[in-house]
PDB file of N, CA and C in Angstrom:
ATOM      1  N   ARG A   1      -0.153  -4.356 -76.084  1.00  0.00           N
ATOM      2  CA  ARG A   1      -0.758  -3.475 -77.061  1.00  0.00           C
ATOM      3  C   ARG A   1      -1.040  -2.138 -76.391  1.00  0.00           C
ATOM      4  N   LEU A   2      -0.736  -1.088 -77.087  1.00  0.00           N
ATOM      5  CA  LEU A   2      -0.984   0.260 -76.604  1.00  0.00           C
ATOM      6  C   LEU A   2      -1.869   0.968 -77.609  1.00  0.00           C
ATOM      7  N   GLU A   3      -2.925   1.583 -77.132  1.00  0.00           N
ATOM      8  CA  GLU A   3      -3.822   2.334 -78.003  1.00  0.00           C
ATOM      9  C   GLU A   3      -3.968   3.732 -77.430  1.00  0.00           C
ATOM     10  N   THR A   4      -3.865   4.734 -78.293  1.00  0.00           N
ATOM     11  CA  THR A   4      -3.999   6.116 -77.849  1.00  0.00           C
ATOM     12  C   THR A   4      -5.069   6.816 -78.673  1.00  0.00           C
ATOM     13  N   ALA A   5      -5.607   7.874 -78.139  1.00  0.00           N
ATOM     14  CA  ALA A   5      -6.554   8.721 -78.864  1.00  0.00           C
ATOM     15  C   ALA A   5      -6.082  10.164 -78.690  1.00  0.00           C
ATOM     16  N   VAL A   6      -6.012  10.885 -79.785  1.00  0.00           N
ATOM     17  CA  VAL A   6      -5.559  12.274 -79.739  1.00  0.00           C
ATOM     18  C   VAL A   6      -6.547  13.147 -80.497  1.00  0.00           C
ATOM     19  N   LYS A   7      -6.583  14.412 -80.167  1.00  0.00           N
ATOM     20  CA  LYS A   7      -7.394  15.377 -80.902  1.00  0.00           C
ATOM     21  C   LYS A   7      -6.456  16.488 -81.364  1.00  0.00           C
ATOM     22  N   ILE A   8      -6.364  16.665 -82.672  1.00  0.00           N
ATOM     23  CA  ILE A   8      -5.498  17.692 -83.233  1.00  0.00           C
ATOM     24  C   ILE A   8      -6.284  18.516 -84.238  1.00  0.00           C
ATOM     25  N   HIS A   9      -5.738  19.648 -84.620  1.00  0.00           N
ATOM     26  CA  HIS A   9      -6.396  20.565 -85.550  1.00  0.00           C
ATOM     27  C   HIS A   9      -5.427  20.918 -86.684  1.00  0.00           C
ATOM     28  N   PRO A  10      -5.314  20.044 -87.688  1.00  0.00           N
ATOM     29  CA  PRO A  10      -4.351  20.274 -88.763  1.00  0.00           C
ATOM     30  C   PRO A  10      -4.608  21.554 -89.550  1.00  0.00           C
ATOM     31  N   GLU A  11      -5.860  21.986 -89.624  1.00  0.00           N
ATOM     32  CA  GLU A  11      -6.154  23.218 -90.365  1.00  0.00           C
ATOM     33  C   GLU A  11      -5.600  24.456 -89.666  1.00  0.00           C
ATOM     34  N   SER A  12      -5.261  24.362 -88.382  1.00  0.00           N
ATOM     35  CA  SER A  12      -4.673  25.481 -87.632  1.00  0.00           C
ATOM     36  C   SER A  12      -3.156  25.387 -87.561  1.00  0.00           C
ATOM     37  N   ASN A  13      -2.591  24.289 -88.008  1.00  0.00           N
ATOM     38  CA  ASN A  13      -1.145  24.074 -87.923  1.00  0.00           C
ATOM     39  C   ASN A  13      -0.460  24.821 -89.061  1.00  0.00           C
ATOM     40  N   THR A  14       0.272  25.858 -88.730  1.00  0.00           N
ATOM     41  CA  THR A  14       0.975  26.655 -89.745  1.00  0.00           C
ATOM     42  C   THR A  14       2.471  26.365 -89.763  1.00  0.00           C
ATOM     43  N   GLN A  15       2.928  25.370 -89.027  1.00  0.00           N
ATOM     44  CA  GLN A  15       4.361  25.089 -88.918  1.00  0.00           C
ATOM     45  C   GLN A  15       4.864  24.084 -89.968  1.00  0.00           C
ATOM     46  N   LEU A  16       3.961  23.546 -90.796  1.00  0.00           N
ATOM     47  CA  LEU A  16       4.327  22.561 -91.825  1.00  0.00           C
ATOM     48  C   LEU A  16       5.109  21.393 -91.228  1.00  0.00           C
ATOM     49  N   SER A  17       4.670  20.960 -90.070  1.00  0.00           N
ATOM     50  CA  SER A  17       5.282  19.839 -89.374  1.00  0.00           C
ATOM     51  C   SER A  17       4.169  19.067 -88.681  1.00  0.00           C
ATOM     52  N   GLY A  18       4.299  17.740 -88.627  1.00  0.00           N
ATOM     53  CA  GLY A  18       3.218  16.929 -88.085  1.00  0.00           C
ATOM     54  C   GLY A  18       2.140  16.771 -89.142  1.00  0.00           C
ATOM     55  N   LEU A  19       0.883  16.857 -88.760  1.00  0.00           N
ATOM     56  CA  LEU A  19      -0.249  16.797 -89.689  1.00  0.00           C
ATOM     57  C   LEU A  19      -0.766  18.209 -89.891  1.00  0.00           C
ATOM     58  N   TYR A  20      -0.829  18.654 -91.137  1.00  0.00           N
ATOM     59  CA  TYR A  20      -1.270  20.013 -91.442  1.00  0.00           C
ATOM     60  C   TYR A  20      -2.085  20.016 -92.728  1.00  0.00           C
ATOM     61  N   GLN A  21      -2.785  21.109 -92.959  1.00  0.00           N
ATOM     62  CA  GLN A  21      -3.585  21.244 -94.175  1.00  0.00           C
ATOM     63  C   GLN A  21      -2.932  22.282 -95.078  1.00  0.00           C
ATOM     64  N   SER A  22      -2.803  21.947 -96.361  1.00  0.00           N
ATOM     65  CA  SER A  22      -2.193  22.844 -97.340  1.00  0.00           C
ATOM     66  C   SER A  22      -2.951  22.709 -98.656  1.00  0.00           C
ATOM     67  N   SER A  23      -3.435  23.800 -99.172  1.00  0.00           N
ATOM     68  CA  SER A  23      -4.183  23.814-100.441  1.00  0.00           C
ATOM     69  C   SER A  23      -5.323  22.805-100.440  1.00  0.00           C
ATOM     70  N   GLY A  24      -6.005  22.680 -99.311  1.00  0.00           N
ATOM     71  CA  GLY A  24      -7.144  21.778 -99.209  1.00  0.00           C
ATOM     72  C   GLY A  24      -6.785  20.321 -98.979  1.00  0.00           C
ATOM     73  N   MET A  25      -5.489  19.992 -98.967  1.00  0.00           N
ATOM     74  CA  MET A  25      -5.053  18.612 -98.733  1.00  0.00           C
ATOM     75  C   MET A  25      -4.475  18.495 -97.329  1.00  0.00           C
ATOM     76  N   TYR A  26      -4.646  17.321 -96.728  1.00  0.00           N
ATOM     77  CA  TYR A  26      -3.998  17.031 -95.455  1.00  0.00           C
ATOM     78  C   TYR A  26      -2.646  16.399 -95.757  1.00  0.00           C
ATOM     79  N   CYS A  27      -1.621  16.911 -95.126  1.00  0.00           N
ATOM     80  CA  CYS A  27      -0.248  16.465 -95.380  1.00  0.00           C
ATOM     81  C   CYS A  27       0.434  16.151 -94.058  1.00  0.00           C
ATOM     82  N   THR A  28       1.463  15.320 -94.119  1.00  0.00           N
ATOM     83  CA  THR A  28       2.272  15.056 -92.928  1.00  0.00           C
ATOM     84  C   THR A  28       3.726  15.327 -93.231  1.00  0.00           C
ATOM     85  N   GLN A  29       4.440  15.782 -92.235  1.00  0.00           N
ATOM     86  CA  GLN A  29       5.891  15.917 -92.257  1.00  0.00           C
ATOM     87  C   GLN A  29       6.343  15.471 -90.878  1.00  0.00           C
ATOM     88  N   CYS A  30       6.866  14.273 -90.805  1.00  0.00           N
ATOM     89  CA  CYS A  30       7.173  13.679 -89.503  1.00  0.00           C
ATOM     90  C   CYS A  30       8.661  13.582 -89.219  1.00  0.00           C
ATOM     91  N   GLU A  31       9.506  14.055 -90.095  1.00  0.00           N
ATOM     92  CA  GLU A  31      10.949  14.039 -89.847  1.00  0.00           C
ATOM     93  C   GLU A  31      11.375  15.415 -89.406  1.00  0.00           C
ATOM     94  N   ALA A  32      12.216  15.610 -88.440  1.00  0.00           N
ATOM     95  CA  ALA A  32      12.690  14.584 -87.562  1.00  0.00           C
ATOM     96  C   ALA A  32      11.809  14.493 -86.320  1.00  0.00           C
ATOM     97  N   MET A  33      11.113  15.553 -85.956  1.00  0.00           N
ATOM     98  CA  MET A  33      10.306  15.516 -84.735  1.00  0.00           C
ATOM     99  C   MET A  33       8.828  15.769 -84.988  1.00  0.00           C
ATOM    100  N   GLY A  34       8.391  15.826 -86.243  1.00  0.00           N
ATOM    101  CA  GLY A  34       7.010  16.155 -86.558  1.00  0.00           C
ATOM    102  C   GLY A  34       5.979  15.178 -86.028  1.00  0.00           C
ATOM    103  N   PHE A  35       6.358  13.912 -85.876  1.00  0.00           N
ATOM    104  CA  PHE A  35       5.398  12.921 -85.379  1.00  0.00           C
ATOM    105  C   PHE A  35       4.935  13.272 -83.973  1.00  0.00           C
ATOM    106  N   ARG A  36       5.791  13.918 -83.205  1.00  0.00           N
ATOM    107  CA  ARG A  36       5.409  14.338 -81.843  1.00  0.00           C
ATOM    108  C   ARG A  36       4.303  15.386 -81.859  1.00  0.00           C
ATOM    109  N   ARG A  37       4.132  16.073 -82.982  1.00  0.00           N
ATOM    110  CA  ARG A  37       3.049  17.048 -83.098  1.00  0.00           C
ATOM    111  C   ARG A  37       1.709  16.352 -83.344  1.00  0.00           C
ATOM    112  N   ILE A  38       1.738  15.068 -83.720  1.00  0.00           N
ATOM    113  CA  ILE A  38       0.522  14.301 -83.970  1.00  0.00           C
ATOM    114  C   ILE A  38       0.108  13.537 -82.718  1.00  0.00           C
ATOM    115  N   THR A  39       1.048  12.883 -82.059  1.00  0.00           N
ATOM    116  CA  THR A  39       0.750  12.080 -80.878  1.00  0.00           C
ATOM    117  C   THR A  39       1.985  11.963 -80.008  1.00  0.00           C
ATOM    118  N   TYR A  40       1.790  11.607 -78.763  1.00  0.00           N
ATOM    119  CA  TYR A  40       2.922  11.380 -77.873  1.00  0.00           C
ATOM    120  C   TYR A  40       3.719  10.196 -78.380  1.00  0.00           C
ATOM    121  N   TYR A  41       5.020  10.363 -78.451  1.00  0.00           N
ATOM    122  CA  TYR A  41       5.860   9.279 -78.924  1.00  0.00           C
ATOM    123  C   TYR A  41       7.305   9.540 -78.548  1.00  0.00           C
ATOM    124  N   LEU A  42       7.991   8.503 -78.085  1.00  0.00           N
ATOM    125  CA  LEU A  42       9.415   8.615 -77.796  1.00  0.00           C
ATOM    126  C   LEU A  42      10.173   8.498 -79.109  1.00  0.00           C
ATOM    127  N   ASP A  43      10.329   9.613 -79.784  1.00  0.00           N
ATOM    128  CA  ASP A  43      10.897   9.646 -81.126  1.00  0.00           C
ATOM    129  C   ASP A  43      12.388   9.972 -81.034  1.00  0.00           C
ATOM    130  N   ARG A  44      13.148   8.945 -80.632  1.00  0.00           N
ATOM    131  CA  ARG A  44      14.591   9.124 -80.511  1.00  0.00           C
ATOM    132  C   ARG A  44      15.282   7.905 -81.116  1.00  0.00           C
ATOM    133  N   PRO A  45      16.489   8.070 -81.616  1.00  0.00           N
ATOM    134  CA  PRO A  45      17.206   6.937 -82.222  1.00  0.00           C
ATOM    135  C   PRO A  45      17.435   5.767 -81.273  1.00  0.00           C
ATOM    136  N   ASP A  46      17.520   6.026 -79.962  1.00  0.00           N
ATOM    137  CA  ASP A  46      17.791   4.944 -79.024  1.00  0.00           C
ATOM    138  C   ASP A  46      16.543   4.170 -78.617  1.00  0.00           C
ATOM    139  N   VAL A  47      15.356   4.614 -79.017  1.00  0.00           N
ATOM    140  CA  VAL A  47      14.118   3.904 -78.688  1.00  0.00           C
ATOM    141  C   VAL A  47      13.223   3.761 -79.926  1.00  0.00           C
ATOM    142  N   MET A  48      13.815   3.440 -81.050  1.00  0.00           N
ATOM    143  CA  MET A  48      13.046   3.311 -82.287  1.00  0.00           C
ATOM    144  C   MET A  48      12.136   2.093 -82.217  1.00  0.00           C
ATOM    145  N   ALA A  49      10.942   2.223 -82.770  1.00  0.00           N
ATOM    146  CA  ALA A  49       9.960   1.146 -82.761  1.00  0.00           C
ATOM    147  C   ALA A  49       9.759   0.606 -84.173  1.00  0.00           C
ATOM    148  N   VAL A  50       9.277  -0.623 -84.226  1.00  0.00           N
ATOM    149  CA  VAL A  50       8.918  -1.253 -85.495  1.00  0.00           C
ATOM    150  C   VAL A  50       7.400  -1.366 -85.516  1.00  0.00           C
ATOM    151  N   PHE A  51       6.784  -0.918 -86.595  1.00  0.00           N
ATOM    152  CA  PHE A  51       5.335  -0.987 -86.737  1.00  0.00           C
ATOM    153  C   PHE A  51       5.004  -2.113 -87.705  1.00  0.00           C
ATOM    154  N   ASP A  52       4.179  -3.060 -87.266  1.00  0.00           N
ATOM    155  CA  ASP A  52       3.757  -4.146 -88.142  1.00  0.00           C
ATOM    156  C   ASP A  52       2.763  -3.653 -89.179  1.00  0.00           C
ATOM    157  N   ARG A  53       1.821  -2.831 -88.742  1.00  0.00           N
ATOM    158  CA  ARG A  53       0.797  -2.297 -89.643  1.00  0.00           C
ATOM    159  C   ARG A  53       0.410  -0.900 -89.213  1.00  0.00           C
ATOM    160  N   VAL A  54       0.177  -0.079 -90.195  1.00  0.00           N
ATOM    161  CA  VAL A  54      -0.367   1.258 -89.981  1.00  0.00           C
ATOM    162  C   VAL A  54      -1.497   1.424 -90.975  1.00  0.00           C
ATOM    163  N   ARG A  55      -2.632   1.892 -90.526  1.00  0.00           N
ATOM    164  CA  ARG A  55      -3.804   2.016 -91.398  1.00  0.00           C
ATOM    165  C   ARG A  55      -4.141   3.491 -91.575  1.00  0.00           C
ATOM    166  N   VAL A  56      -4.351   3.889 -92.822  1.00  0.00           N
ATOM    167  CA  VAL A  56      -4.784   5.238 -93.158  1.00  0.00           C
ATOM    168  C   VAL A  56      -6.192   5.120 -93.704  1.00  0.00           C
ATOM    169  N   GLU A  57      -7.144   5.799 -93.075  1.00  0.00           N
ATOM    170  CA  GLU A  57      -8.526   5.712 -93.554  1.00  0.00           C
ATOM    171  C   GLU A  57      -9.223   7.051 -93.387  1.00  0.00           C
ATOM    172  N   ALA A  58     -10.169   7.295 -94.273  1.00  0.00           N
ATOM    173  CA  ALA A  58     -10.971   8.515 -94.251  1.00  0.00           C
ATOM    174  C   ALA A  58     -12.223   8.283 -95.095  1.00  0.00           C
ATOM    175  N   PRO A  59     -13.290   9.044 -94.870  1.00  0.00           N
ATOM    176  CA  PRO A  59     -14.491   8.901 -95.696  1.00  0.00           C
ATOM    177  C   PRO A  59     -14.184   9.225 -97.166  1.00  0.00           C
ATOM    178  N   ARG A  60     -14.536   8.315 -98.066  1.00  0.00           N
ATOM    179  CA  ARG A  60     -14.233   8.486 -99.494  1.00  0.00           C
ATOM    180  C   ARG A  60     -14.843   9.762-100.075  1.00  0.00           C
ATOM    181  N   GLU A  61     -16.051  10.120 -99.624  1.00  0.00           N
ATOM    182  CA  GLU A  61     -16.708  11.303-100.193  1.00  0.00           C
ATOM    183  C   GLU A  61     -15.967  12.602 -99.876  1.00  0.00           C
ATOM    184  N   GLY A  62     -15.277  12.674 -98.781  1.00  0.00           N
ATOM    185  CA  GLY A  62     -14.533  13.885 -98.439  1.00  0.00           C
ATOM    186  C   GLY A  62     -13.066  13.828 -98.812  1.00  0.00           C
ATOM    187  N   TYR A  63     -12.532  12.603 -98.919  1.00  0.00           N
ATOM    188  CA  TYR A  63     -11.101  12.419 -99.163  1.00  0.00           C
ATOM    189  C   TYR A  63     -10.905  11.290-100.168  1.00  0.00           C
ATOM    190  N   PRO A  64     -11.124  11.569-101.463  1.00  0.00           N
ATOM    191  CA  PRO A  64     -11.092  10.499-102.458  1.00  0.00           C
ATOM    192  C   PRO A  64      -9.700   9.912-102.704  1.00  0.00           C
ATOM    193  N   VAL A  65      -8.648  10.619-102.353  1.00  0.00           N
ATOM    194  CA  VAL A  65      -7.288  10.137-102.560  1.00  0.00           C
ATOM    195  C   VAL A  65      -6.540  10.149-101.245  1.00  0.00           C
ATOM    196  N   LEU A  66      -5.967   9.006-100.871  1.00  0.00           N
ATOM    197  CA  LEU A  66      -5.111   8.901 -99.684  1.00  0.00           C
ATOM    198  C   LEU A  66      -3.746   8.406-100.139  1.00  0.00           C
ATOM    199  N   LEU A  67      -2.704   9.107 -99.767  1.00  0.00           N
ATOM    200  CA  LEU A  67      -1.348   8.714-100.133  1.00  0.00           C
ATOM    201  C   LEU A  67      -0.561   8.430 -98.871  1.00  0.00           C
ATOM    202  N   SER A  68       0.302   7.438 -98.957  1.00  0.00           N
ATOM    203  CA  SER A  68       1.162   7.109 -97.819  1.00  0.00           C
ATOM    204  C   SER A  68       2.398   6.435 -98.354  1.00  0.00           C
ATOM    205  N   ASN A  69       3.490   6.533 -97.618  1.00  0.00           N
ATOM    206  CA  ASN A  69       4.674   5.785 -98.028  1.00  0.00           C
ATOM    207  C   ASN A  69       4.648   4.428 -97.345  1.00  0.00           C
ATOM    208  N   GLY A  70       5.441   3.508 -97.852  1.00  0.00           N
ATOM    209  CA  GLY A  70       5.464   2.159 -97.295  1.00  0.00           C
ATOM    210  C   GLY A  70       4.940   1.162 -98.302  1.00  0.00           C
ATOM    211  N   ASN A  71       4.909  -0.086 -97.906  1.00  0.00           N
ATOM    212  CA  ASN A  71       4.456  -1.148 -98.772  1.00  0.00           C
ATOM    213  C   ASN A  71       3.004  -1.503 -98.472  1.00  0.00           C
ATOM    214  N   LEU A  72       2.215  -1.684 -99.514  1.00  0.00           N
ATOM    215  CA  LEU A  72       0.826  -2.055 -99.367  1.00  0.00           C
ATOM    216  C   LEU A  72       0.719  -3.470 -98.812  1.00  0.00           C
ATOM    217  N   VAL A  73      -0.082  -3.628 -97.762  1.00  0.00           N
ATOM    218  CA  VAL A  73      -0.349  -4.930 -97.171  1.00  0.00           C
ATOM    219  C   VAL A  73      -1.846  -5.138 -97.232  1.00  0.00           C
ATOM    220  N   GLU A  74      -2.274  -6.182 -97.897  1.00  0.00           N
ATOM    221  CA  GLU A  74      -3.721  -6.458 -98.037  1.00  0.00           C
ATOM    222  C   GLU A  74      -4.260  -7.080 -96.778  1.00  0.00           C
TER     223      GLU A  74
END
């Protein structure tokens, strides 16, 4: 198991890649290399990883709607 912690500033990201803020919403654009703007990752076709679970969470009072692609797993 590998766990990482990163500190980023999406409100300062003007490149519309990785995690950024637009019109008051937080958005992601991770293709093809945007995920590297969020965290260190070997993002290459020859070292692709499979993720069993990914969790998106935020305080409901500040972020009432969270959207993500993928299949919902309870």
